[in-house]
Structures are given as C-alpha cells and as structure tokens.
C-alpha cells in the first residue's frame, strides 16, 4: 500500500521545494507551463508570497511526502472563492507510475471538503497528458469544457465535493 503524507506548505519546506522544482523543471515543462527563470532566481520571495496567500485563505498549498519523508510532489488548491478552488499538482518524475498522483489528489479532495469547507473543485490539463486525465477521472472529476492550454487542446474538469469525500480515495 502506498503511504503518502500531504503537509500544508510552511516556511521550512523552502529548501526541499526549490530542489524539487529544479530537479523536475525540464520534466514539468513537457506538459505544463514552465515557471521561468525568475521563479528560481526569486524563489525566497515567491515562497513567502505563497505563504501569505495561504494565510489569507485564498490558496491552500501542500507538499507530498513519501514514506521516507522525501518531497515527491505538490498539490495546490488556488483561487479559493465561494466554496470552489482550482486543483493543480506536480509529481516528481522519479515518483510517476506508482499511484502517487492519484493518491495525493484523493487526499487533497478530502482536505478540500473537510478542512477547507469547499464544495467544488476544478482542474485542467492538455488532451495529450493522458496520465493527468486518468488521475482526474479516477478521482471523480468529469470533463466540462474543451479549452486551449499552452496552445494545445485541453480539457477543463469539475468535481462536486460531498459527504463521500470524508473518507479515502474513490474506487477506480
């Protein structure tokens, strides 16, 4: 059984998070927009700004830790408003194919409903990102619109959160 922990982002995560982003930059850029050089050059200020956003309640940022306590991903709930937020996630290349994303997204959905009182999540991905589409489908997200993302065809998803989200992952 896969054991993961989602921890709410805090100041002490800065060094591990920066290393994670650097290590996986090229991998992430293949399927999601690159953060750009400024993100890395100004990481300390960006990290502080994210913590301020979280403190204000407009975003909920999480790091994903494996059973050894190593940072293998991040799952974020951004643009929190009127019971809704947009889900985004990044999983380290070395951790793919083991259910990390599916498990981390399931836990984020549970937290969204129980800890943050959200009733709906949205997400988006490109159509050529089959792995992300599978993760979202396994977690009860349904396609609601065709979009363009990174100049490529994409899909916007939605998931309503309810009492079923108080437990664990949804069955596949």
N, C-alpha and C. Protein backbone atom coordinates (compact mmCIF):
# COMPACT_ATOMS: atom_id res chain seq x y z
N UNK A 1 0.84 -1.18 0.00
CA UNK A 1 0.00 0.00 0.00
C UNK A 1 0.88 1.24 0.00
N UNK A 2 0.53 2.18 -0.83
CA UNK A 2 1.27 3.43 -0.96
C UNK A 2 0.99 4.33 0.23
N UNK A 3 2.05 4.78 0.89
CA UNK A 3 1.91 5.69 2.03
C UNK A 3 2.45 7.05 1.65
N UNK A 4 1.57 8.03 1.65
CA UNK A 4 1.94 9.41 1.36
C UNK A 4 1.37 10.31 2.44
N UNK A 5 2.01 11.46 2.61
CA UNK A 5 1.51 12.47 3.52
C UNK A 5 1.44 13.79 2.78
N UNK A 6 0.30 14.48 2.89
CA UNK A 6 0.20 15.85 2.40
C UNK A 6 0.39 16.76 3.59
N UNK A 7 1.36 17.64 3.50
CA UNK A 7 1.58 18.64 4.54
C UNK A 7 1.28 20.00 3.98
N UNK A 8 0.60 20.80 4.77
CA UNK A 8 0.34 22.17 4.39
C UNK A 8 1.70 22.87 4.26
N UNK A 9 1.85 23.65 3.21
CA UNK A 9 3.12 24.34 2.96
C UNK A 9 3.48 25.24 4.14
N UNK A 10 4.74 25.19 4.54
CA UNK A 10 5.24 26.12 5.56
C UNK A 10 6.66 26.54 5.20
N UNK A 11 7.17 27.49 5.95
CA UNK A 11 8.47 28.09 5.64
C UNK A 11 9.59 27.06 5.57
N UNK A 12 9.53 26.04 6.42
CA UNK A 12 10.59 25.03 6.47
C UNK A 12 10.66 24.16 5.23
N UNK A 13 9.66 24.21 4.36
CA UNK A 13 9.68 23.42 3.13
C UNK A 13 10.50 24.07 2.01
N UNK A 14 10.94 25.30 2.20
CA UNK A 14 11.55 26.08 1.11
C UNK A 14 12.70 25.35 0.41
N UNK A 15 13.68 24.87 1.14
CA UNK A 15 14.85 24.26 0.50
C UNK A 15 14.47 22.99 -0.28
N UNK A 16 13.66 22.13 0.32
CA UNK A 16 13.26 20.90 -0.37
C UNK A 16 12.38 21.21 -1.58
N UNK A 17 11.52 22.20 -1.46
CA UNK A 17 10.64 22.57 -2.57
C UNK A 17 11.43 23.14 -3.74
N UNK A 18 12.39 23.99 -3.44
CA UNK A 18 13.23 24.55 -4.50
C UNK A 18 14.02 23.43 -5.20
N UNK A 19 14.58 22.50 -4.44
CA UNK A 19 15.31 21.38 -5.03
C UNK A 19 14.38 20.53 -5.91
N UNK A 20 13.17 20.28 -5.44
CA UNK A 20 12.17 19.52 -6.20
C UNK A 20 11.86 20.21 -7.52
N UNK A 21 11.62 21.51 -7.49
CA UNK A 21 11.29 22.26 -8.70
C UNK A 21 12.46 22.28 -9.68
N UNK A 22 13.66 22.46 -9.18
CA UNK A 22 14.84 22.45 -10.06
C UNK A 22 15.06 21.09 -10.69
N UNK A 23 14.99 20.05 -9.87
CA UNK A 23 15.23 18.68 -10.34
C UNK A 23 14.24 18.27 -11.43
N UNK A 24 13.02 18.77 -11.35
CA UNK A 24 11.96 18.34 -12.25
C UNK A 24 11.56 19.39 -13.29
N UNK A 25 12.30 20.47 -13.38
CA UNK A 25 11.91 21.57 -14.26
C UNK A 25 11.69 21.12 -15.71
N UNK A 26 12.65 20.45 -16.29
CA UNK A 26 12.52 20.02 -17.70
C UNK A 26 11.37 19.02 -17.85
N UNK A 27 11.22 18.13 -16.90
CA UNK A 27 10.13 17.14 -16.95
C UNK A 27 8.78 17.85 -16.92
N UNK A 28 8.59 18.79 -16.00
CA UNK A 28 7.32 19.50 -15.91
C UNK A 28 7.03 20.31 -17.17
N UNK A 29 8.06 20.92 -17.74
CA UNK A 29 7.87 21.80 -18.90
C UNK A 29 7.35 21.05 -20.13
N UNK A 30 7.45 19.74 -20.11
CA UNK A 30 6.91 18.95 -21.23
C UNK A 30 5.39 18.93 -21.24
N UNK A 31 4.76 19.16 -20.08
CA UNK A 31 3.31 19.05 -20.04
C UNK A 31 2.58 20.22 -19.40
N UNK A 32 3.29 21.11 -18.71
CA UNK A 32 2.68 22.28 -18.10
C UNK A 32 3.59 23.49 -18.31
N UNK A 33 3.05 24.69 -18.23
CA UNK A 33 3.89 25.88 -18.47
C UNK A 33 5.09 25.94 -17.52
N UNK A 34 6.24 26.28 -18.08
CA UNK A 34 7.45 26.45 -17.28
C UNK A 34 7.30 27.65 -16.36
N UNK A 35 7.86 27.57 -15.19
CA UNK A 35 7.77 28.66 -14.22
C UNK A 35 8.64 29.85 -14.61
N UNK A 36 9.63 29.64 -15.44
CA UNK A 36 10.51 30.72 -15.86
C UNK A 36 11.68 30.92 -14.92
N UNK A 37 12.73 31.54 -15.42
CA UNK A 37 13.94 31.74 -14.64
C UNK A 37 13.71 32.61 -13.40
N UNK A 38 12.83 33.58 -13.48
CA UNK A 38 12.58 34.48 -12.35
C UNK A 38 12.07 33.71 -11.13
N UNK A 39 11.27 32.69 -11.36
CA UNK A 39 10.75 31.89 -10.26
C UNK A 39 11.90 31.33 -9.42
N UNK A 40 12.93 30.82 -10.07
CA UNK A 40 14.05 30.22 -9.38
C UNK A 40 14.97 31.29 -8.78
N UNK A 41 15.18 32.36 -9.50
CA UNK A 41 16.06 33.43 -9.02
C UNK A 41 15.45 34.14 -7.81
N UNK A 42 14.14 34.23 -7.77
CA UNK A 42 13.45 34.95 -6.70
C UNK A 42 12.63 33.99 -5.83
N UNK A 43 13.10 32.77 -5.69
CA UNK A 43 12.32 31.75 -5.01
C UNK A 43 11.94 32.13 -3.58
N UNK A 44 12.85 32.70 -2.81
CA UNK A 44 12.55 33.03 -1.41
C UNK A 44 11.37 33.99 -1.32
N UNK A 45 11.35 35.00 -2.16
CA UNK A 45 10.23 35.97 -2.15
C UNK A 45 8.94 35.31 -2.62
N UNK A 46 9.04 34.45 -3.63
CA UNK A 46 7.86 33.75 -4.15
C UNK A 46 7.29 32.83 -3.08
N UNK A 47 8.15 32.11 -2.39
CA UNK A 47 7.72 31.20 -1.33
C UNK A 47 6.99 31.98 -0.22
N UNK A 48 7.57 33.11 0.17
CA UNK A 48 6.95 33.95 1.20
C UNK A 48 5.58 34.44 0.73
N UNK A 49 5.48 34.84 -0.54
CA UNK A 49 4.21 35.31 -1.09
C UNK A 49 3.16 34.19 -1.07
N UNK A 50 3.58 32.96 -1.38
CA UNK A 50 2.64 31.83 -1.34
C UNK A 50 2.14 31.59 0.08
N UNK A 51 3.04 31.70 1.04
CA UNK A 51 2.63 31.53 2.43
C UNK A 51 1.66 32.63 2.86
N UNK A 52 1.88 33.85 2.37
CA UNK A 52 0.96 34.96 2.67
C UNK A 52 -0.41 34.71 2.05
N UNK A 53 -0.44 34.20 0.80
CA UNK A 53 -1.71 33.87 0.15
C UNK A 53 -2.46 32.79 0.94
N UNK A 54 -1.70 31.82 1.40
CA UNK A 54 -2.30 30.74 2.18
C UNK A 54 -2.86 31.29 3.49
N UNK A 55 -2.12 32.15 4.14
CA UNK A 55 -2.58 32.76 5.40
C UNK A 55 -3.86 33.56 5.18
N UNK A 56 -3.97 34.20 4.03
CA UNK A 56 -5.17 34.99 3.69
C UNK A 56 -6.35 34.10 3.30
N UNK A 57 -6.12 32.81 3.09
CA UNK A 57 -7.19 31.88 2.76
C UNK A 57 -7.58 31.83 1.30
N UNK A 58 -6.79 32.44 0.43
CA UNK A 58 -7.14 32.42 -0.99
C UNK A 58 -6.53 31.23 -1.73
N UNK A 59 -5.62 30.53 -1.06
CA UNK A 59 -4.98 29.34 -1.63
C UNK A 59 -4.64 28.38 -0.49
N UNK A 60 -4.54 27.11 -0.83
CA UNK A 60 -4.08 26.08 0.11
C UNK A 60 -3.01 25.28 -0.62
N UNK A 61 -1.77 25.41 -0.16
CA UNK A 61 -0.63 24.76 -0.80
C UNK A 61 -0.19 23.57 0.05
N UNK A 62 0.19 22.47 -0.62
CA UNK A 62 0.62 21.25 0.09
C UNK A 62 1.83 20.66 -0.60
N UNK A 63 2.70 20.06 0.20
CA UNK A 63 3.77 19.24 -0.34
C UNK A 63 3.38 17.78 -0.10
N UNK A 64 3.83 16.91 -1.00
CA UNK A 64 3.55 15.48 -0.91
C UNK A 64 4.85 14.80 -0.49
N UNK A 65 4.79 14.10 0.63
CA UNK A 65 5.96 13.41 1.16
C UNK A 65 5.75 11.91 1.06
N UNK A 66 6.80 11.20 0.67
CA UNK A 66 6.70 9.74 0.59
C UNK A 66 6.95 9.14 1.98
N UNK A 67 6.99 7.81 2.05
CA UNK A 67 7.13 7.14 3.35
C UNK A 67 8.50 7.36 3.99
N UNK A 68 9.45 7.92 3.26
CA UNK A 68 10.77 8.28 3.83
C UNK A 68 10.84 9.75 4.19
N UNK A 69 9.73 10.48 3.96
CA UNK A 69 9.70 11.91 4.27
C UNK A 69 10.29 12.78 3.17
N UNK A 70 10.53 12.19 1.99
CA UNK A 70 11.09 12.96 0.88
C UNK A 70 9.98 13.61 0.08
N UNK A 71 10.22 14.84 -0.34
CA UNK A 71 9.24 15.59 -1.12
C UNK A 71 9.19 15.02 -2.53
N UNK A 72 8.02 14.49 -2.90
CA UNK A 72 7.84 13.88 -4.22
C UNK A 72 6.76 14.58 -5.04
N UNK A 73 6.18 15.62 -4.50
CA UNK A 73 5.15 16.33 -5.24
C UNK A 73 4.58 17.49 -4.48
N UNK A 74 3.65 18.14 -5.16
CA UNK A 74 2.90 19.23 -4.52
C UNK A 74 1.49 19.20 -5.09
N UNK A 75 0.54 19.56 -4.26
CA UNK A 75 -0.85 19.65 -4.67
C UNK A 75 -1.38 20.96 -4.11
N UNK A 76 -1.93 21.78 -5.00
CA UNK A 76 -2.39 23.10 -4.60
C UNK A 76 -3.86 23.30 -4.92
N UNK A 77 -4.52 24.04 -4.08
CA UNK A 77 -5.89 24.49 -4.30
C UNK A 77 -5.80 26.00 -4.36
N UNK A 78 -6.02 26.57 -5.54
CA UNK A 78 -5.82 28.01 -5.73
C UNK A 78 -7.12 28.69 -6.11
N UNK A 79 -7.09 30.01 -5.98
CA UNK A 79 -8.26 30.84 -6.33
C UNK A 79 -9.50 30.39 -5.58
N UNK A 80 -9.35 30.21 -4.27
CA UNK A 80 -10.48 29.82 -3.43
C UNK A 80 -11.48 30.96 -3.38
N UNK A 81 -12.72 30.63 -3.76
CA UNK A 81 -13.78 31.63 -3.74
C UNK A 81 -15.13 30.93 -3.79
N UNK A 82 -16.03 31.36 -2.93
CA UNK A 82 -17.41 30.87 -2.91
C UNK A 82 -17.50 29.34 -2.88
N UNK A 83 -16.66 28.70 -2.06
CA UNK A 83 -16.71 27.26 -1.91
C UNK A 83 -16.03 26.46 -3.00
N UNK A 84 -15.33 27.13 -3.90
CA UNK A 84 -14.69 26.46 -5.03
C UNK A 84 -13.20 26.81 -5.07
N UNK A 85 -12.41 25.95 -5.70
CA UNK A 85 -10.99 26.21 -5.91
C UNK A 85 -10.54 25.41 -7.13
N UNK A 86 -9.42 25.82 -7.69
CA UNK A 86 -8.82 25.07 -8.79
C UNK A 86 -7.70 24.20 -8.23
N UNK A 87 -7.73 22.93 -8.60
CA UNK A 87 -6.72 21.96 -8.19
C UNK A 87 -5.59 21.95 -9.21
N UNK A 88 -4.37 21.94 -8.71
CA UNK A 88 -3.20 21.76 -9.55
C UNK A 88 -2.21 20.87 -8.82
N UNK A 89 -1.43 20.09 -9.55
CA UNK A 89 -0.48 19.20 -8.90
C UNK A 89 0.72 18.96 -9.80
N UNK A 90 1.83 18.62 -9.15
CA UNK A 90 3.08 18.26 -9.81
C UNK A 90 3.68 17.10 -9.04
N UNK A 91 4.03 16.06 -9.74
CA UNK A 91 4.64 14.89 -9.11
C UNK A 91 6.02 14.68 -9.74
N UNK A 92 7.01 14.41 -8.92
CA UNK A 92 8.38 14.20 -9.40
C UNK A 92 8.44 13.09 -10.43
N UNK A 93 9.29 13.27 -11.42
CA UNK A 93 9.43 12.26 -12.47
C UNK A 93 9.76 10.89 -11.87
N UNK A 94 10.62 10.87 -10.87
CA UNK A 94 11.05 9.60 -10.27
C UNK A 94 9.92 8.90 -9.51
N UNK A 95 8.80 9.61 -9.25
CA UNK A 95 7.69 9.03 -8.48
C UNK A 95 6.49 8.69 -9.35
N UNK A 96 6.61 8.86 -10.66
CA UNK A 96 5.47 8.59 -11.54
C UNK A 96 5.23 7.10 -11.71
N UNK A 97 4.01 6.77 -12.08
CA UNK A 97 3.66 5.39 -12.38
C UNK A 97 3.44 4.51 -11.17
N UNK A 98 3.37 5.11 -9.98
CA UNK A 98 3.19 4.32 -8.75
C UNK A 98 1.92 4.69 -7.99
N UNK A 99 1.07 5.51 -8.60
CA UNK A 99 -0.16 5.91 -7.93
C UNK A 99 -0.02 7.13 -7.03
N UNK A 100 1.14 7.78 -7.06
CA UNK A 100 1.37 8.94 -6.20
C UNK A 100 0.38 10.06 -6.52
N UNK A 101 0.23 10.39 -7.78
CA UNK A 101 -0.68 11.48 -8.15
C UNK A 101 -2.12 11.15 -7.77
N UNK A 102 -2.57 9.95 -8.08
CA UNK A 102 -3.94 9.56 -7.76
C UNK A 102 -4.20 9.64 -6.26
N UNK A 103 -3.28 9.13 -5.46
CA UNK A 103 -3.43 9.15 -4.01
C UNK A 103 -3.36 10.57 -3.46
N UNK A 104 -2.43 11.37 -3.96
CA UNK A 104 -2.29 12.75 -3.48
C UNK A 104 -3.51 13.60 -3.83
N UNK A 105 -4.04 13.42 -5.03
CA UNK A 105 -5.24 14.17 -5.42
C UNK A 105 -6.43 13.73 -4.58
N UNK A 106 -6.56 12.44 -4.30
CA UNK A 106 -7.65 11.96 -3.44
C UNK A 106 -7.57 12.61 -2.06
N UNK A 107 -6.38 12.69 -1.52
CA UNK A 107 -6.21 13.31 -0.20
C UNK A 107 -6.51 14.81 -0.26
N UNK A 108 -6.11 15.46 -1.34
CA UNK A 108 -6.41 16.89 -1.50
C UNK A 108 -7.93 17.11 -1.58
N UNK A 109 -8.63 16.23 -2.25
CA UNK A 109 -10.10 16.33 -2.33
C UNK A 109 -10.71 16.18 -0.94
N UNK A 110 -10.20 15.23 -0.17
CA UNK A 110 -10.70 15.02 1.19
C UNK A 110 -10.45 16.27 2.03
N UNK A 111 -9.24 16.81 1.96
CA UNK A 111 -8.92 18.02 2.72
C UNK A 111 -9.78 19.20 2.28
N UNK A 112 -9.99 19.31 0.97
CA UNK A 112 -10.80 20.41 0.45
C UNK A 112 -12.19 20.40 1.09
N UNK A 113 -12.77 19.21 1.22
CA UNK A 113 -14.12 19.09 1.79
C UNK A 113 -14.12 19.23 3.30
N UNK A 114 -13.17 18.58 3.97
CA UNK A 114 -13.22 18.50 5.43
C UNK A 114 -12.52 19.65 6.13
N UNK A 115 -11.33 20.00 5.68
CA UNK A 115 -10.55 21.03 6.37
C UNK A 115 -10.84 22.44 5.86
N UNK A 116 -11.18 22.56 4.58
CA UNK A 116 -11.33 23.89 3.99
C UNK A 116 -12.78 24.22 3.66
N UNK A 117 -13.69 23.27 3.82
CA UNK A 117 -15.11 23.52 3.61
C UNK A 117 -15.50 23.82 2.17
N UNK A 118 -14.72 23.32 1.22
CA UNK A 118 -15.02 23.57 -0.19
C UNK A 118 -16.08 22.58 -0.68
N UNK A 119 -16.83 22.99 -1.67
CA UNK A 119 -17.89 22.14 -2.21
C UNK A 119 -17.65 21.75 -3.67
N UNK A 120 -16.65 22.38 -4.30
CA UNK A 120 -16.38 22.08 -5.71
C UNK A 120 -14.92 22.36 -6.02
N UNK A 121 -14.35 21.50 -6.87
CA UNK A 121 -13.00 21.71 -7.39
C UNK A 121 -13.05 21.69 -8.90
N UNK A 122 -12.19 22.47 -9.52
CA UNK A 122 -11.99 22.42 -10.96
C UNK A 122 -10.53 22.06 -11.21
N UNK A 123 -10.24 21.61 -12.41
CA UNK A 123 -8.88 21.28 -12.81
C UNK A 123 -8.82 21.38 -14.33
N UNK A 124 -7.62 21.44 -14.87
CA UNK A 124 -7.47 21.47 -16.32
C UNK A 124 -6.18 20.77 -16.70
N UNK A 125 -6.18 20.23 -17.91
CA UNK A 125 -4.99 19.58 -18.44
C UNK A 125 -5.08 19.57 -19.96
N UNK A 126 -3.95 19.33 -20.58
CA UNK A 126 -3.95 19.20 -22.04
C UNK A 126 -4.43 17.79 -22.40
N UNK A 127 -4.99 17.67 -23.59
CA UNK A 127 -5.50 16.37 -24.06
C UNK A 127 -4.38 15.34 -24.26
N UNK A 128 -3.16 15.82 -24.50
CA UNK A 128 -2.05 14.88 -24.69
C UNK A 128 -1.41 14.44 -23.37
N UNK A 129 -1.96 14.87 -22.25
CA UNK A 129 -1.46 14.45 -20.95
C UNK A 129 -2.40 13.37 -20.40
N UNK A 130 -2.28 12.18 -20.99
CA UNK A 130 -3.16 11.06 -20.63
C UNK A 130 -3.06 10.70 -19.16
N UNK A 131 -1.88 10.79 -18.58
CA UNK A 131 -1.70 10.44 -17.17
C UNK A 131 -2.54 11.36 -16.28
N UNK A 132 -2.49 12.65 -16.55
CA UNK A 132 -3.27 13.59 -15.75
C UNK A 132 -4.76 13.38 -15.94
N UNK A 133 -5.18 13.12 -17.17
CA UNK A 133 -6.60 12.86 -17.41
C UNK A 133 -7.06 11.63 -16.63
N UNK A 134 -6.21 10.62 -16.55
CA UNK A 134 -6.54 9.41 -15.81
C UNK A 134 -6.64 9.68 -14.31
N UNK A 135 -5.69 10.45 -13.78
CA UNK A 135 -5.71 10.80 -12.35
C UNK A 135 -7.00 11.52 -12.01
N UNK A 136 -7.37 12.49 -12.84
CA UNK A 136 -8.59 13.25 -12.57
C UNK A 136 -9.83 12.35 -12.65
N UNK A 137 -9.90 11.51 -13.65
CA UNK A 137 -11.05 10.60 -13.79
C UNK A 137 -11.14 9.65 -12.60
N UNK A 138 -10.02 9.11 -12.16
CA UNK A 138 -10.02 8.19 -11.02
C UNK A 138 -10.48 8.87 -9.74
N UNK A 139 -10.36 10.18 -9.69
CA UNK A 139 -10.76 10.94 -8.51
C UNK A 139 -12.11 11.62 -8.67
N UNK A 140 -12.89 11.17 -9.63
CA UNK A 140 -14.26 11.65 -9.74
C UNK A 140 -14.45 12.97 -10.46
N UNK A 141 -13.43 13.47 -11.12
CA UNK A 141 -13.57 14.70 -11.92
C UNK A 141 -14.20 14.33 -13.26
N UNK A 142 -15.08 15.19 -13.74
CA UNK A 142 -15.70 14.95 -15.04
C UNK A 142 -15.38 16.11 -15.97
N UNK A 143 -15.18 15.83 -17.26
CA UNK A 143 -14.91 16.89 -18.23
C UNK A 143 -16.13 17.78 -18.39
N UNK A 144 -15.88 19.10 -18.43
CA UNK A 144 -17.00 20.05 -18.59
C UNK A 144 -16.81 21.00 -19.76
N UNK A 145 -15.59 21.13 -20.27
CA UNK A 145 -15.37 22.05 -21.39
C UNK A 145 -14.06 21.75 -22.09
N UNK A 146 -14.05 21.97 -23.39
CA UNK A 146 -12.81 21.96 -24.15
C UNK A 146 -12.18 23.33 -24.02
N UNK A 147 -10.86 23.37 -23.84
CA UNK A 147 -10.13 24.62 -23.69
C UNK A 147 -8.85 24.53 -24.51
N UNK A 148 -8.14 25.64 -24.58
CA UNK A 148 -6.80 25.66 -25.13
C UNK A 148 -5.85 25.97 -23.98
N UNK A 149 -4.83 25.15 -23.84
CA UNK A 149 -3.87 25.28 -22.75
C UNK A 149 -2.48 25.09 -23.34
N UNK A 150 -1.63 26.07 -23.16
CA UNK A 150 -0.28 26.01 -23.74
C UNK A 150 -0.35 25.85 -25.25
N UNK A 151 -1.30 26.52 -25.89
CA UNK A 151 -1.51 26.44 -27.34
C UNK A 151 -1.83 25.04 -27.82
N UNK A 152 -2.35 24.19 -26.91
CA UNK A 152 -2.72 22.83 -27.25
C UNK A 152 -4.16 22.58 -26.80
N UNK A 153 -4.83 21.64 -27.43
CA UNK A 153 -6.18 21.29 -26.98
C UNK A 153 -6.14 20.78 -25.54
N UNK A 154 -7.10 21.21 -24.75
CA UNK A 154 -7.16 20.80 -23.36
C UNK A 154 -8.59 20.56 -22.91
N UNK A 155 -8.70 20.20 -21.64
CA UNK A 155 -9.99 19.91 -21.05
C UNK A 155 -10.06 20.55 -19.67
N UNK A 156 -11.21 21.15 -19.36
CA UNK A 156 -11.49 21.64 -18.01
C UNK A 156 -12.38 20.60 -17.35
N UNK A 157 -12.08 20.32 -16.08
CA UNK A 157 -12.81 19.32 -15.30
C UNK A 157 -13.46 19.98 -14.09
N UNK A 158 -14.46 19.29 -13.55
CA UNK A 158 -15.14 19.75 -12.34
C UNK A 158 -15.46 18.52 -11.48
N UNK A 159 -15.42 18.74 -10.17
CA UNK A 159 -15.83 17.71 -9.22
C UNK A 159 -16.57 18.36 -8.07
N UNK A 160 -17.75 17.85 -7.79
CA UNK A 160 -18.51 18.30 -6.63
C UNK A 160 -18.04 17.49 -5.43
N UNK A 161 -17.80 18.18 -4.33
CA UNK A 161 -17.38 17.53 -3.10
C UNK A 161 -18.60 17.36 -2.20
N UNK A 162 -18.67 16.23 -1.51
CA UNK A 162 -19.82 15.96 -0.65
C UNK A 162 -19.40 15.04 0.49
N UNK A 163 -20.36 14.43 1.15
CA UNK A 163 -20.08 13.55 2.27
C UNK A 163 -19.18 12.38 1.92
N UNK A 164 -19.18 11.95 0.67
CA UNK A 164 -18.31 10.84 0.26
C UNK A 164 -16.84 11.21 0.37
N UNK A 165 -16.54 12.50 0.44
CA UNK A 165 -15.15 12.95 0.47
C UNK A 165 -14.57 12.95 1.87
N UNK A 166 -15.32 12.49 2.84
CA UNK A 166 -14.82 12.46 4.22
C UNK A 166 -13.96 11.22 4.47
N UNK A 167 -14.06 10.25 3.57
CA UNK A 167 -13.28 9.02 3.72
C UNK A 167 -12.01 9.08 2.90
N UNK A 168 -11.69 8.02 2.23
CA UNK A 168 -10.46 7.94 1.45
C UNK A 168 -10.72 8.11 -0.04
N UNK A 169 -9.82 7.59 -0.86
CA UNK A 169 -9.96 7.72 -2.32
C UNK A 169 -11.21 7.01 -2.81
N UNK A 170 -11.73 7.53 -3.92
CA UNK A 170 -12.87 6.87 -4.56
C UNK A 170 -12.38 5.62 -5.26
N UNK A 171 -13.24 4.60 -5.35
CA UNK A 171 -12.82 3.40 -6.08
C UNK A 171 -12.58 3.71 -7.55
N UNK A 172 -11.63 3.01 -8.16
CA UNK A 172 -11.33 3.23 -9.58
C UNK A 172 -12.33 2.51 -10.44
